[in-house]
Amino acid sequence: MSLSPYAPIIGLFALAAAFSLFSVGAARFAGPHRYNKAKLEAYECGIEPSPQPIGGGRFPIKFYLTAMLFIVFDIEIIFLYPWAVMFDALPIFGFVEMVLFIVAVFVAYAYVWRRGGLDWD
């Protein structure tokens, strides 16, 4: 088995690895080494960090629900891309199946909206 078809890909990975190693090494040697208290603190976008209990704070469940909703709807929308690419090659069955899929997505969206899952309060 010849590796010649994979040579450009291997070369690209080698080039990316060499560039990243060079960039990290050059920044380490060329960058200033003046550390102070402000640089060593966690970055909080200019907001003074509030005291947290030992072991970290608890996130509200709303954060996780919003993240899961984003992932679910994002994955469902990704299924539309292959269908859009192959739309001309699919018979009417493909169109009907995608309409049913979009209806299912819309029902899920309406349910989440009705239950207040999209409220940011």
N, C-alpha and C. Protein backbone atom coordinates (compact mmCIF):
# COMPACT_ATOMS: atom_id res chain seq x y z
N MET A 1 0.85 -1.18 0.00
CA MET A 1 0.00 0.00 0.00
C MET A 1 0.89 1.24 0.00
N SER A 2 0.62 2.13 -0.89
CA SER A 2 1.42 3.34 -1.04
C SER A 2 0.84 4.46 -0.18
N LEU A 3 1.71 5.24 0.41
CA LEU A 3 1.29 6.36 1.23
C LEU A 3 1.24 7.67 0.45
N SER A 4 1.49 7.63 -0.84
CA SER A 4 1.55 8.86 -1.61
C SER A 4 0.25 9.66 -1.61
N PRO A 5 -0.94 9.04 -1.60
CA PRO A 5 -2.15 9.87 -1.54
C PRO A 5 -2.28 10.63 -0.20
N TYR A 6 -1.65 10.10 0.84
CA TYR A 6 -1.76 10.73 2.16
C TYR A 6 -0.63 11.72 2.44
N ALA A 7 0.31 11.85 1.54
CA ALA A 7 1.46 12.72 1.75
C ALA A 7 1.05 14.18 1.99
N PRO A 8 0.13 14.76 1.22
CA PRO A 8 -0.25 16.15 1.50
C PRO A 8 -0.88 16.34 2.88
N ILE A 9 -1.68 15.38 3.31
CA ILE A 9 -2.32 15.48 4.62
C ILE A 9 -1.29 15.37 5.73
N ILE A 10 -0.37 14.41 5.60
CA ILE A 10 0.70 14.25 6.59
C ILE A 10 1.57 15.50 6.61
N GLY A 11 1.87 16.04 5.42
CA GLY A 11 2.66 17.26 5.34
C GLY A 11 1.96 18.44 6.01
N LEU A 12 0.65 18.54 5.82
CA LEU A 12 -0.11 19.62 6.45
C LEU A 12 -0.10 19.49 7.97
N PHE A 13 -0.28 18.27 8.48
CA PHE A 13 -0.22 18.06 9.93
C PHE A 13 1.18 18.38 10.48
N ALA A 14 2.21 17.98 9.75
CA ALA A 14 3.58 18.28 10.18
C ALA A 14 3.83 19.78 10.18
N LEU A 15 3.35 20.48 9.17
CA LEU A 15 3.51 21.93 9.10
C LEU A 15 2.75 22.61 10.24
N ALA A 16 1.54 22.16 10.53
CA ALA A 16 0.75 22.74 11.62
C ALA A 16 1.44 22.49 12.96
N ALA A 17 1.95 21.29 13.18
CA ALA A 17 2.65 20.99 14.43
C ALA A 17 3.91 21.83 14.57
N ALA A 18 4.68 21.96 13.48
CA ALA A 18 5.91 22.77 13.52
C ALA A 18 5.59 24.23 13.80
N PHE A 19 4.54 24.76 13.16
CA PHE A 19 4.17 26.15 13.38
C PHE A 19 3.72 26.39 14.81
N SER A 20 2.92 25.48 15.35
CA SER A 20 2.44 25.68 16.73
C SER A 20 3.59 25.57 17.73
N LEU A 21 4.47 24.62 17.54
CA LEU A 21 5.63 24.49 18.44
C LEU A 21 6.55 25.71 18.34
N PHE A 22 6.78 26.18 17.12
CA PHE A 22 7.60 27.37 16.93
C PHE A 22 6.96 28.59 17.58
N SER A 23 5.64 28.77 17.41
CA SER A 23 4.95 29.93 17.98
C SER A 23 5.02 29.92 19.51
N VAL A 24 4.78 28.77 20.12
CA VAL A 24 4.83 28.68 21.58
C VAL A 24 6.25 28.92 22.08
N GLY A 25 7.23 28.33 21.40
CA GLY A 25 8.63 28.51 21.81
C GLY A 25 9.09 29.95 21.62
N ALA A 26 8.73 30.56 20.51
CA ALA A 26 9.14 31.94 20.26
C ALA A 26 8.49 32.88 21.26
N ALA A 27 7.25 32.66 21.60
CA ALA A 27 6.58 33.53 22.58
C ALA A 27 7.22 33.38 23.96
N ARG A 28 7.64 32.19 24.28
CA ARG A 28 8.26 31.96 25.59
C ARG A 28 9.60 32.69 25.70
N PHE A 29 10.37 32.69 24.62
CA PHE A 29 11.67 33.34 24.66
C PHE A 29 11.62 34.83 24.37
N ALA A 30 10.70 35.27 23.51
CA ALA A 30 10.66 36.67 23.09
C ALA A 30 9.76 37.53 23.96
N GLY A 31 8.81 36.94 24.66
CA GLY A 31 7.85 37.71 25.44
C GLY A 31 8.44 38.27 26.72
N PRO A 32 7.85 39.35 27.23
CA PRO A 32 8.34 39.92 28.50
C PRO A 32 7.97 39.02 29.67
N HIS A 33 8.79 39.05 30.70
CA HIS A 33 8.59 38.22 31.87
C HIS A 33 8.37 39.09 33.10
N ARG A 34 7.47 40.05 33.02
CA ARG A 34 7.17 40.93 34.13
C ARG A 34 5.80 40.55 34.70
N TYR A 35 5.80 39.73 35.70
CA TYR A 35 4.55 39.29 36.31
C TYR A 35 4.24 40.18 37.51
N ASN A 36 2.96 40.46 37.68
CA ASN A 36 2.52 41.18 38.86
C ASN A 36 1.22 40.55 39.35
N LYS A 37 0.67 41.08 40.42
CA LYS A 37 -0.51 40.48 41.03
C LYS A 37 -1.70 40.48 40.08
N ALA A 38 -1.87 41.55 39.33
CA ALA A 38 -3.01 41.65 38.42
C ALA A 38 -2.94 40.63 37.29
N LYS A 39 -1.74 40.37 36.78
CA LYS A 39 -1.61 39.40 35.69
C LYS A 39 -1.84 37.97 36.14
N LEU A 40 -1.59 37.69 37.41
CA LEU A 40 -1.73 36.33 37.90
C LEU A 40 -3.14 36.01 38.38
N GLU A 41 -4.02 37.02 38.47
CA GLU A 41 -5.41 36.78 38.90
C GLU A 41 -6.24 36.29 37.72
N ALA A 42 -7.35 35.66 38.04
CA ALA A 42 -8.26 35.20 37.00
C ALA A 42 -8.93 36.41 36.34
N TYR A 43 -9.11 36.32 35.03
CA TYR A 43 -9.70 37.42 34.29
C TYR A 43 -11.21 37.38 34.44
N GLU A 44 -11.80 38.48 34.89
CA GLU A 44 -13.24 38.54 35.15
C GLU A 44 -13.92 39.64 34.36
N CYS A 45 -13.37 40.05 33.25
CA CYS A 45 -13.96 41.07 32.38
C CYS A 45 -14.17 42.39 33.11
N GLY A 46 -13.31 42.73 34.03
CA GLY A 46 -13.42 44.00 34.74
C GLY A 46 -14.36 43.97 35.93
N ILE A 47 -15.05 42.88 36.14
CA ILE A 47 -15.97 42.76 37.26
C ILE A 47 -15.21 42.16 38.43
N GLU A 48 -15.39 42.75 39.58
CA GLU A 48 -14.74 42.19 40.77
C GLU A 48 -15.32 40.82 41.05
N PRO A 49 -14.47 39.80 41.20
CA PRO A 49 -15.01 38.46 41.47
C PRO A 49 -15.69 38.40 42.82
N SER A 50 -16.83 37.77 42.83
CA SER A 50 -17.56 37.62 44.09
C SER A 50 -17.01 36.42 44.85
N PRO A 51 -17.08 36.44 46.15
CA PRO A 51 -16.55 35.30 46.91
C PRO A 51 -17.36 34.04 46.62
N GLN A 52 -16.65 32.95 46.44
CA GLN A 52 -17.29 31.67 46.15
C GLN A 52 -17.11 30.75 47.35
N PRO A 53 -18.08 29.89 47.59
CA PRO A 53 -17.90 28.92 48.67
C PRO A 53 -16.79 27.94 48.34
N ILE A 54 -16.26 27.32 49.36
CA ILE A 54 -15.20 26.33 49.16
C ILE A 54 -15.77 25.18 48.34
N GLY A 55 -15.03 24.79 47.34
CA GLY A 55 -15.50 23.72 46.45
C GLY A 55 -16.21 24.28 45.23
N GLY A 56 -16.29 25.59 45.10
CA GLY A 56 -16.93 26.21 43.93
C GLY A 56 -18.40 26.44 44.15
N GLY A 57 -18.94 27.29 43.31
CA GLY A 57 -20.37 27.61 43.40
C GLY A 57 -21.20 26.65 42.58
N ARG A 58 -22.48 26.70 42.78
CA ARG A 58 -23.40 25.84 42.03
C ARG A 58 -24.02 26.65 40.90
N PHE A 59 -24.08 26.05 39.73
CA PHE A 59 -24.73 26.68 38.60
C PHE A 59 -26.22 26.36 38.67
N PRO A 60 -27.06 27.30 38.30
CA PRO A 60 -28.49 26.99 38.25
C PRO A 60 -28.79 25.95 37.16
N ILE A 61 -29.82 25.19 37.36
CA ILE A 61 -30.19 24.14 36.41
C ILE A 61 -30.56 24.74 35.06
N LYS A 62 -30.99 26.01 35.05
CA LYS A 62 -31.36 26.69 33.81
C LYS A 62 -30.17 26.74 32.84
N PHE A 63 -28.96 26.88 33.38
CA PHE A 63 -27.75 26.91 32.55
C PHE A 63 -27.62 25.59 31.78
N TYR A 64 -27.78 24.48 32.44
CA TYR A 64 -27.62 23.18 31.80
C TYR A 64 -28.76 22.91 30.81
N LEU A 65 -29.97 23.32 31.15
CA LEU A 65 -31.09 23.13 30.23
C LEU A 65 -30.88 23.93 28.95
N THR A 66 -30.40 25.15 29.09
CA THR A 66 -30.14 25.97 27.91
C THR A 66 -29.04 25.34 27.06
N ALA A 67 -28.00 24.83 27.68
CA ALA A 67 -26.92 24.19 26.94
C ALA A 67 -27.42 22.94 26.21
N MET A 68 -28.23 22.14 26.88
CA MET A 68 -28.76 20.93 26.23
C MET A 68 -29.69 21.28 25.09
N LEU A 69 -30.52 22.32 25.26
CA LEU A 69 -31.41 22.73 24.18
C LEU A 69 -30.61 23.20 22.97
N PHE A 70 -29.54 23.95 23.23
CA PHE A 70 -28.70 24.39 22.12
C PHE A 70 -28.13 23.20 21.37
N ILE A 71 -27.63 22.22 22.08
CA ILE A 71 -27.03 21.05 21.44
C ILE A 71 -28.07 20.27 20.65
N VAL A 72 -29.24 20.07 21.23
CA VAL A 72 -30.29 19.30 20.54
C VAL A 72 -30.71 20.00 19.26
N PHE A 73 -31.01 21.30 19.33
CA PHE A 73 -31.45 22.00 18.12
C PHE A 73 -30.32 22.16 17.12
N ASP A 74 -29.10 22.30 17.59
CA ASP A 74 -27.96 22.40 16.68
C ASP A 74 -27.78 21.11 15.91
N ILE A 75 -27.87 19.98 16.58
CA ILE A 75 -27.72 18.69 15.90
C ILE A 75 -28.87 18.46 14.93
N GLU A 76 -30.06 18.86 15.31
CA GLU A 76 -31.19 18.69 14.40
C GLU A 76 -31.03 19.53 13.14
N ILE A 77 -30.52 20.73 13.29
CA ILE A 77 -30.33 21.58 12.12
C ILE A 77 -29.20 21.05 11.23
N ILE A 78 -28.21 20.40 11.82
CA ILE A 78 -27.12 19.84 11.01
C ILE A 78 -27.65 18.77 10.06
N PHE A 79 -28.73 18.10 10.44
CA PHE A 79 -29.31 17.09 9.56
C PHE A 79 -29.91 17.70 8.30
N LEU A 80 -30.14 19.00 8.29
CA LEU A 80 -30.70 19.64 7.09
C LEU A 80 -29.66 19.82 5.98
N TYR A 81 -28.38 19.91 6.32
CA TYR A 81 -27.35 20.15 5.31
C TYR A 81 -27.22 19.01 4.29
N PRO A 82 -27.11 17.75 4.71
CA PRO A 82 -27.02 16.70 3.68
C PRO A 82 -28.29 16.63 2.83
N TRP A 83 -29.43 16.89 3.43
CA TRP A 83 -30.67 16.88 2.67
C TRP A 83 -30.66 18.00 1.63
N ALA A 84 -30.19 19.18 2.00
CA ALA A 84 -30.16 20.30 1.06
C ALA A 84 -29.19 20.02 -0.08
N VAL A 85 -28.09 19.36 0.20
CA VAL A 85 -27.12 19.05 -0.85
C VAL A 85 -27.69 18.03 -1.83
N MET A 86 -28.39 17.05 -1.33
CA MET A 86 -28.93 15.98 -2.18
C MET A 86 -30.40 16.18 -2.55
N PHE A 87 -30.91 17.39 -2.44
CA PHE A 87 -32.33 17.65 -2.66
C PHE A 87 -32.78 17.24 -4.06
N ASP A 88 -31.99 17.56 -5.09
CA ASP A 88 -32.39 17.23 -6.47
C ASP A 88 -32.40 15.73 -6.72
N ALA A 89 -31.55 14.97 -6.03
CA ALA A 89 -31.46 13.52 -6.27
C ALA A 89 -32.50 12.73 -5.49
N LEU A 90 -33.15 13.35 -4.51
CA LEU A 90 -34.12 12.63 -3.69
C LEU A 90 -35.50 12.65 -4.35
N PRO A 91 -36.21 11.55 -4.28
CA PRO A 91 -37.59 11.57 -4.78
C PRO A 91 -38.51 12.29 -3.79
N ILE A 92 -39.78 12.24 -4.04
CA ILE A 92 -40.76 12.90 -3.18
C ILE A 92 -40.73 12.35 -1.76
N PHE A 93 -40.31 11.09 -1.62
CA PHE A 93 -40.19 10.49 -0.29
C PHE A 93 -39.21 11.28 0.59
N GLY A 94 -38.09 11.72 0.02
CA GLY A 94 -37.12 12.51 0.77
C GLY A 94 -37.70 13.84 1.22
N PHE A 95 -38.50 14.45 0.36
CA PHE A 95 -39.13 15.72 0.72
C PHE A 95 -40.14 15.53 1.85
N VAL A 96 -40.96 14.49 1.75
CA VAL A 96 -41.97 14.23 2.78
C VAL A 96 -41.29 13.92 4.12
N GLU A 97 -40.25 13.13 4.09
CA GLU A 97 -39.54 12.80 5.33
C GLU A 97 -38.93 14.05 5.97
N MET A 98 -38.40 14.96 5.17
CA MET A 98 -37.82 16.18 5.73
C MET A 98 -38.90 17.10 6.26
N VAL A 99 -40.05 17.13 5.62
CA VAL A 99 -41.16 17.93 6.16
C VAL A 99 -41.58 17.37 7.51
N LEU A 100 -41.67 16.05 7.64
CA LEU A 100 -42.01 15.44 8.93
C LEU A 100 -40.94 15.73 9.98
N PHE A 101 -39.67 15.72 9.57
CA PHE A 101 -38.59 16.04 10.49
C PHE A 101 -38.69 17.49 10.97
N ILE A 102 -38.95 18.41 10.06
CA ILE A 102 -39.06 19.82 10.43
C ILE A 102 -40.28 20.04 11.32
N VAL A 103 -41.36 19.33 11.07
CA VAL A 103 -42.53 19.42 11.93
C VAL A 103 -42.19 18.93 13.34
N ALA A 104 -41.44 17.83 13.44
CA ALA A 104 -41.03 17.33 14.76
C ALA A 104 -40.14 18.33 15.47
N VAL A 105 -39.23 18.97 14.75
CA VAL A 105 -38.38 20.00 15.36
C VAL A 105 -39.22 21.17 15.82
N PHE A 106 -40.18 21.58 15.01
CA PHE A 106 -41.04 22.70 15.38
C PHE A 106 -41.90 22.37 16.60
N VAL A 107 -42.39 21.15 16.69
CA VAL A 107 -43.18 20.74 17.86
C VAL A 107 -42.30 20.79 19.12
N ALA A 108 -41.07 20.30 19.01
CA ALA A 108 -40.16 20.36 20.16
C ALA A 108 -39.86 21.81 20.53
N TYR A 109 -39.65 22.66 19.54
CA TYR A 109 -39.39 24.08 19.79
C TYR A 109 -40.60 24.74 20.47
N ALA A 110 -41.78 24.46 19.97
CA ALA A 110 -42.99 25.05 20.56
C ALA A 110 -43.18 24.56 22.00
N TYR A 111 -42.89 23.30 22.25
CA TYR A 111 -43.01 22.76 23.61
C TYR A 111 -42.06 23.46 24.57
N VAL A 112 -40.81 23.61 24.13
CA VAL A 112 -39.81 24.26 24.99
C VAL A 112 -40.18 25.73 25.21
N TRP A 113 -40.65 26.38 24.17
CA TRP A 113 -41.05 27.79 24.28
C TRP A 113 -42.24 27.93 25.23
N ARG A 114 -43.21 27.04 25.10
CA ARG A 114 -44.42 27.10 25.94
C ARG A 114 -44.07 26.85 27.41
N ARG A 115 -43.12 25.95 27.67
CA ARG A 115 -42.73 25.63 29.04
C ARG A 115 -41.81 26.67 29.65
N GLY A 116 -41.36 27.66 28.86
CA GLY A 116 -40.50 28.72 29.38
C GLY A 116 -39.03 28.38 29.33
N GLY A 117 -38.65 27.41 28.54
CA GLY A 117 -37.25 27.02 28.46
C GLY A 117 -36.37 28.02 27.75
N LEU A 118 -36.96 28.97 27.03
CA LEU A 118 -36.18 29.96 26.30
C LEU A 118 -36.17 31.32 27.00
N ASP A 119 -36.77 31.42 28.18
CA ASP A 119 -36.77 32.67 28.94
C ASP A 119 -35.42 32.84 29.61
N TRP A 120 -34.88 34.06 29.58
CA TRP A 120 -33.56 34.33 30.14
C TRP A 120 -33.65 34.95 31.52
N ASP A 121 -34.78 35.00 32.12
CA ASP A 121 -34.94 35.63 33.44
C ASP A 121 -34.38 34.76 34.54
